[in-house]
Protein backbone atom coordinates (compact mmCIF):
# COMPACT_ATOMS: atom_id res chain seq x y z
CA MET A 1 17.24 6.10 -27.13
CA ASP A 2 20.29 8.30 -26.42
CA ALA A 3 22.16 7.65 -23.16
CA GLY A 4 25.17 9.11 -21.40
CA ARG A 5 26.43 11.44 -18.71
CA THR A 6 25.58 15.03 -19.62
CA PRO A 7 24.25 18.04 -17.71
CA LEU A 8 20.50 18.35 -17.38
CA ARG A 9 18.58 21.02 -19.28
CA THR A 10 16.66 23.71 -17.45
CA THR A 11 13.40 22.33 -18.85
CA ASP A 12 14.05 18.78 -17.60
CA SER A 13 11.96 17.26 -14.80
CA PRO A 14 13.82 14.30 -13.28
CA LEU A 15 10.83 13.49 -11.08
CA GLU A 16 8.40 13.23 -14.00
CA ALA A 17 10.91 11.34 -16.15
CA ASN A 18 11.54 8.69 -13.52
CA ARG A 19 7.87 8.44 -12.54
CA THR A 20 6.99 7.70 -16.17
CA TRP A 21 9.95 5.36 -16.75
CA TRP A 22 9.24 3.19 -13.71
CA THR A 23 5.55 3.03 -14.53
CA ASN A 24 6.18 2.04 -18.15
CA HIS A 25 8.81 -0.54 -17.19
CA ALA A 26 7.26 -1.96 -14.01
CA GLY A 27 6.10 -5.17 -15.68
CA GLU A 28 9.38 -5.71 -17.50
CA TYR A 29 11.42 -5.05 -14.34
CA LEU A 30 9.38 -7.45 -12.22
CA ALA A 31 9.42 -10.14 -14.90
CA GLN A 32 13.21 -9.96 -14.98
CA HIS A 33 14.01 -9.49 -11.29
CA GLY A 34 10.88 -10.75 -9.54
CA PRO A 35 12.20 -14.31 -9.11
CA THR A 36 15.29 -12.95 -7.32
CA LEU A 37 13.34 -10.49 -5.19
CA GLY A 38 10.53 -12.88 -4.30
CA ASP A 39 6.99 -11.74 -3.54
CA SER A 40 7.56 -11.33 0.20
CA ASP A 41 11.27 -11.10 0.95
CA PHE A 42 13.61 -8.37 2.14
CA ILE A 43 16.90 -8.21 0.24
CA TRP A 44 19.20 -5.24 0.83
CA GLY A 45 20.97 -5.53 -2.53
CA PRO A 46 22.15 -7.72 -5.41
CA GLU A 47 24.61 -9.48 -3.09
CA GLY A 48 21.58 -11.17 -1.56
CA LEU A 49 22.04 -9.89 2.00
CA ARG A 50 18.67 -10.39 3.70
CA GLU A 51 17.05 -8.48 6.52
CA ALA A 52 16.42 -11.86 8.16
CA GLU A 53 20.20 -12.27 8.46
CA ILE A 54 21.23 -8.78 9.53
CA GLU A 55 18.10 -7.45 11.34
CA LEU A 56 18.83 -3.79 10.62
CA ILE A 57 15.16 -2.81 10.96
CA ALA A 58 14.51 -4.82 14.14
CA PRO A 59 14.54 -8.41 15.42
CA PRO A 60 11.33 -10.17 14.30
CA GLN A 61 9.89 -10.29 17.82
CA GLU A 62 10.11 -6.48 18.04
CA LEU A 63 8.53 -5.69 14.66
CA PRO A 64 4.90 -5.56 15.91
CA ASP A 65 5.88 -2.56 18.04
CA HIS A 66 7.26 -0.58 15.07
CA HIS A 67 5.44 1.86 12.77
CA ILE A 68 7.52 1.64 9.58
CA LEU A 69 7.58 3.52 6.28
CA GLU A 70 9.19 2.25 3.07
CA VAL A 71 9.99 4.88 0.43
CA GLY A 72 10.81 3.93 -3.15
CA ALA A 73 9.19 0.59 -2.43
CA GLY A 74 8.74 -0.68 -5.99
CA ALA A 75 6.43 -3.69 -5.67
CA ALA A 76 6.92 -3.52 -1.87
CA GLN A 77 8.48 -6.96 -1.39
CA CYS A 78 10.38 -5.67 1.68
CA SER A 79 7.30 -4.16 3.29
CA ARG A 80 5.38 -7.36 2.59
CA TYR A 81 8.03 -9.36 4.43
CA LEU A 82 7.83 -7.01 7.43
CA ALA A 83 4.02 -7.00 7.41
CA SER A 84 3.98 -10.80 7.36
CA LEU A 85 5.89 -10.67 10.65
CA GLY A 86 3.39 -8.29 12.24
CA ALA A 87 4.97 -4.89 11.55
CA ASP A 88 2.72 -1.85 11.08
CA VAL A 89 4.09 -0.80 7.70
CA VAL A 90 3.21 1.66 4.94
CA ALA A 91 4.85 1.48 1.51
CA THR A 92 5.20 4.38 -0.93
CA ASP A 93 6.51 4.74 -4.46
CA LEU A 94 6.65 7.57 -6.96
CA ALA A 95 5.50 5.47 -9.93
CA PRO A 96 1.81 4.57 -10.29
CA GLY A 97 2.78 1.40 -12.17
CA MET A 98 4.80 0.14 -9.23
CA VAL A 99 2.05 1.02 -6.77
CA THR A 100 -0.39 -1.02 -8.86
CA ALA A 101 2.04 -3.96 -8.96
CA ALA A 102 2.49 -3.80 -5.18
CA ARG A 103 -1.25 -3.80 -4.56
CA GLU A 104 -1.70 -6.75 -6.91
CA LEU A 105 0.99 -8.69 -5.02
CA ASN A 106 -0.77 -7.87 -1.74
CA SER A 107 -3.96 -9.38 -3.10
CA ARG A 108 -2.17 -12.42 -4.47
CA THR A 109 -0.21 -13.14 -1.29
CA GLY A 110 -2.94 -12.18 1.16
CA VAL A 111 -0.60 -9.78 3.00
CA GLU A 112 -2.36 -6.43 3.23
CA PHE A 113 -0.89 -3.04 4.15
CA PRO A 114 -1.26 0.47 2.70
CA VAL A 115 0.58 1.18 -0.57
CA ILE A 116 0.53 4.86 -1.50
CA GLU A 117 1.74 6.83 -4.51
CA ALA A 118 4.04 9.51 -3.10
CA ASP A 119 7.19 11.50 -3.80
CA ALA A 120 9.76 10.86 -1.06
CA LEU A 121 10.62 14.57 -1.08
CA THR A 122 7.06 15.58 -0.18
CA LEU A 123 5.61 12.76 1.90
CA PRO A 124 1.87 12.92 2.76
CA PHE A 125 2.35 12.18 6.45
CA PRO A 126 2.42 14.35 9.59
CA ASP A 127 5.57 15.16 11.53
CA GLY A 128 6.89 12.37 13.73
CA GLU A 129 4.60 9.69 12.28
CA PHE A 130 7.05 6.76 11.99
CA ASP A 131 9.57 4.92 14.15
CA THR A 132 11.63 3.73 11.16
CA VAL A 133 11.93 4.72 7.50
CA PHE A 134 13.86 2.61 5.01
CA THR A 135 14.51 2.04 1.34
CA SER A 136 16.29 -0.82 -0.40
CA PHE A 137 17.71 0.49 -3.68
CA GLY A 138 14.93 3.03 -4.03
CA VAL A 139 14.90 6.85 -4.08
CA ILE A 140 18.59 7.55 -3.36
CA PRO A 141 19.98 7.61 -6.95
CA PHE A 142 16.94 9.48 -8.27
CA VAL A 143 17.25 12.68 -6.21
CA PRO A 144 19.89 15.32 -6.97
CA ASP A 145 20.05 16.67 -3.40
CA LEU A 146 20.38 14.08 -0.63
CA SER A 147 20.03 16.75 2.05
CA GLU A 148 16.52 17.56 0.81
CA LEU A 149 15.57 13.88 1.01
CA HIS A 150 17.07 13.36 4.46
CA ARG A 151 15.33 16.44 5.87
CA GLU A 152 11.97 15.13 4.68
CA ILE A 153 12.69 11.70 6.17
CA ALA A 154 13.68 13.37 9.44
CA ARG A 155 10.40 15.30 9.44
CA VAL A 156 8.22 12.17 9.40
CA LEU A 157 10.34 10.32 11.97
CA SER A 158 9.67 10.37 15.68
CA ASP A 159 12.42 11.47 18.07
CA GLY A 160 15.07 8.76 18.09
CA GLY A 161 13.64 7.36 14.85
CA ARG A 162 15.79 5.36 12.44
CA TRP A 163 16.55 5.93 8.72
CA ILE A 164 18.17 2.97 6.97
CA TYR A 165 18.91 2.67 3.27
CA SER A 166 20.85 0.77 0.65
CA ALA A 167 22.00 2.25 -2.64
CA LEU A 168 24.53 1.89 -5.41
CA HIS A 169 28.02 2.04 -3.92
CA PRO A 170 29.66 5.34 -4.92
CA ALA A 171 32.74 3.52 -6.26
CA ARG A 172 30.58 1.87 -8.91
CA TRP A 173 30.19 5.27 -10.61
CA MET A 174 33.75 4.99 -11.91
CA PHE A 175 33.14 1.77 -13.82
CA PRO A 176 30.96 0.85 -16.80
CA ASP A 177 27.70 -0.98 -16.16
CA ASP A 178 29.29 -4.29 -17.15
CA PRO A 179 29.27 -7.21 -14.67
CA THR A 180 32.09 -9.08 -16.42
CA ALA A 181 35.85 -8.79 -15.99
CA ALA A 182 35.84 -6.42 -18.98
CA GLY A 183 34.06 -3.89 -16.76
CA MET A 184 36.88 -3.57 -14.23
CA THR A 185 38.64 -0.59 -15.84
CA VAL A 186 37.91 2.89 -14.49
CA ARG A 187 36.11 4.97 -17.13
CA ASN A 188 34.75 7.90 -15.13
CA SER A 189 36.00 10.22 -12.42
CA TYR A 190 34.70 9.40 -8.96
CA PHE A 191 34.26 13.13 -8.39
CA ASP A 192 32.29 13.84 -11.57
CA ALA A 193 28.67 14.37 -10.50
CA THR A 194 27.31 14.78 -14.03
CA PRO A 195 24.10 12.71 -13.99
CA TYR A 196 23.50 9.66 -16.12
CA GLN A 197 20.50 10.18 -18.35
CA GLU A 198 18.55 8.61 -21.16
CA ARG A 199 16.66 10.64 -23.75
CA ASP A 200 13.94 9.70 -26.16
CA GLY A 201 13.85 12.14 -29.06
CA GLY A 202 15.32 14.85 -26.87
CA ARG A 203 12.87 14.21 -24.01
CA LEU A 204 14.40 13.24 -20.68
CA ALA A 205 13.27 9.64 -20.13
CA TYR A 206 15.39 8.49 -17.16
CA VAL A 207 18.06 9.98 -14.88
CA GLU A 208 20.30 8.89 -12.01
CA PHE A 209 22.51 11.06 -9.81
CA HIS A 210 25.91 10.24 -8.34
CA HIS A 211 26.56 10.83 -4.64
CA THR A 212 30.07 10.37 -3.26
CA PHE A 213 30.60 8.69 0.09
CA SER A 214 31.26 12.06 1.75
CA ALA A 215 28.03 13.41 0.22
CA HIS A 216 26.10 10.56 1.84
CA ILE A 217 27.58 11.15 5.29
CA ASN A 218 27.54 14.95 5.19
CA ALA A 219 23.92 15.10 3.99
CA LEU A 220 22.83 12.77 6.79
CA THR A 221 24.58 14.73 9.52
CA ASP A 222 23.38 18.05 8.07
CA ALA A 223 19.82 16.75 8.41
CA GLY A 224 20.43 15.86 12.08
CA PHE A 225 21.06 12.12 11.73
CA ILE A 226 23.66 10.17 13.68
CA VAL A 227 25.30 7.42 11.63
CA ASP A 228 25.21 4.05 13.41
CA GLU A 229 26.67 1.66 10.87
CA VAL A 230 28.02 1.56 7.33
CA ILE A 231 27.96 -1.78 5.52
CA GLU A 232 29.58 -2.75 2.22
CA PRO A 233 28.29 -6.27 1.52
CA THR A 234 30.71 -8.70 -0.07
CA TRP A 235 29.71 -10.94 -2.94
CA PRO A 236 29.01 -14.44 -1.57
CA ALA A 237 31.03 -17.33 -2.96
CA GLY A 238 28.90 -19.40 -5.31
CA ARG A 239 26.27 -16.68 -5.95
CA ASP A 240 25.67 -16.73 -9.71
CA VAL A 241 23.02 -13.99 -9.97
CA VAL A 242 23.69 -11.36 -12.65
CA TRP A 243 21.85 -8.12 -11.97
CA GLY A 244 22.75 -5.13 -14.13
CA GLY A 245 26.36 -4.31 -13.25
CA TRP A 246 26.52 -6.91 -10.46
CA GLY A 247 27.61 -10.48 -11.01
CA PRO A 248 30.02 -13.23 -9.94
CA GLU A 249 32.86 -12.10 -12.22
CA ARG A 250 33.29 -8.49 -11.13
CA SER A 251 31.44 -8.08 -7.85
CA PRO A 252 33.98 -9.97 -5.69
CA TYR A 253 36.45 -7.16 -6.55
CA ILE A 254 34.39 -3.96 -6.81
CA PRO A 255 31.93 -2.87 -4.09
CA GLY A 256 28.41 -2.69 -5.48
CA THR A 257 26.18 -1.74 -2.56
CA LEU A 258 26.32 0.78 0.27
CA ILE A 259 24.08 0.36 3.32
CA ILE A 260 23.81 3.11 5.94
CA ALA A 261 21.90 2.86 9.21
CA SER A 262 21.28 6.11 11.11
CA HIS A 263 19.03 7.60 13.75
CA LEU A 264 17.79 10.92 15.04
CA PRO A 265 18.63 12.12 18.56
CA ASP A 266 16.20 11.13 21.28
CA VAL A 267 14.99 14.74 21.44
CA VAL A 268 14.80 16.60 18.14
CA ALA A 269 14.45 20.37 17.89
CA ARG A 270 11.73 20.85 15.28
CA GLY A 271 10.91 24.15 13.65
């Protein structure tokens, strides 16, 4: 497998590559990270910040009044947590393997809600369907154009609806994917948007895209969103979880996660 940061080829399909990769690696990913994620828990990132602590979606007593969509849900642990508290939630993921894993966890836990295979850029829902859309480390790094994603999220949100997401912190792009102190030296330009990709015999197998902080904010406002809050979680003292490039050696010094909460105006002009 060849890996690195190089321009994509005109014949590449990032969507198909990532759909296949996440399907083929769903079992491996859940075996490795499932114990940290839990079957029915809502964690906003590797720092362990929980929705139960921060209540970005809504206080628990208000959840039954919310129609919620999760995009890039993976095995839908976050949606399962919300559904267990009475929320009307739908989970979607691009990868059939993850959708299957989510449905199996629903059966095992006895928490049932719809889990649908869907591309977040072309959601199979009518305009204004949801009160809140969210993703926790899903979708964002896998789309080249954030504006396209945000416009589609805005389409399925009701007037005043909320769009909340967590993603890799843009500063992390400058550093190698090494959670130890050895990974604290800048290796890449913050402004270099050349995607990270993996190839198998020349075939695009996996790709992630870099979005600077200004790209996040500008794409949201261009799509009509109003930014409510930006959160950069700190690494908790005593947390010994190692997750990819996150861990107790490096993460207290380098931001690893970006969380943005936003909403649409109370009256949205729709075309």
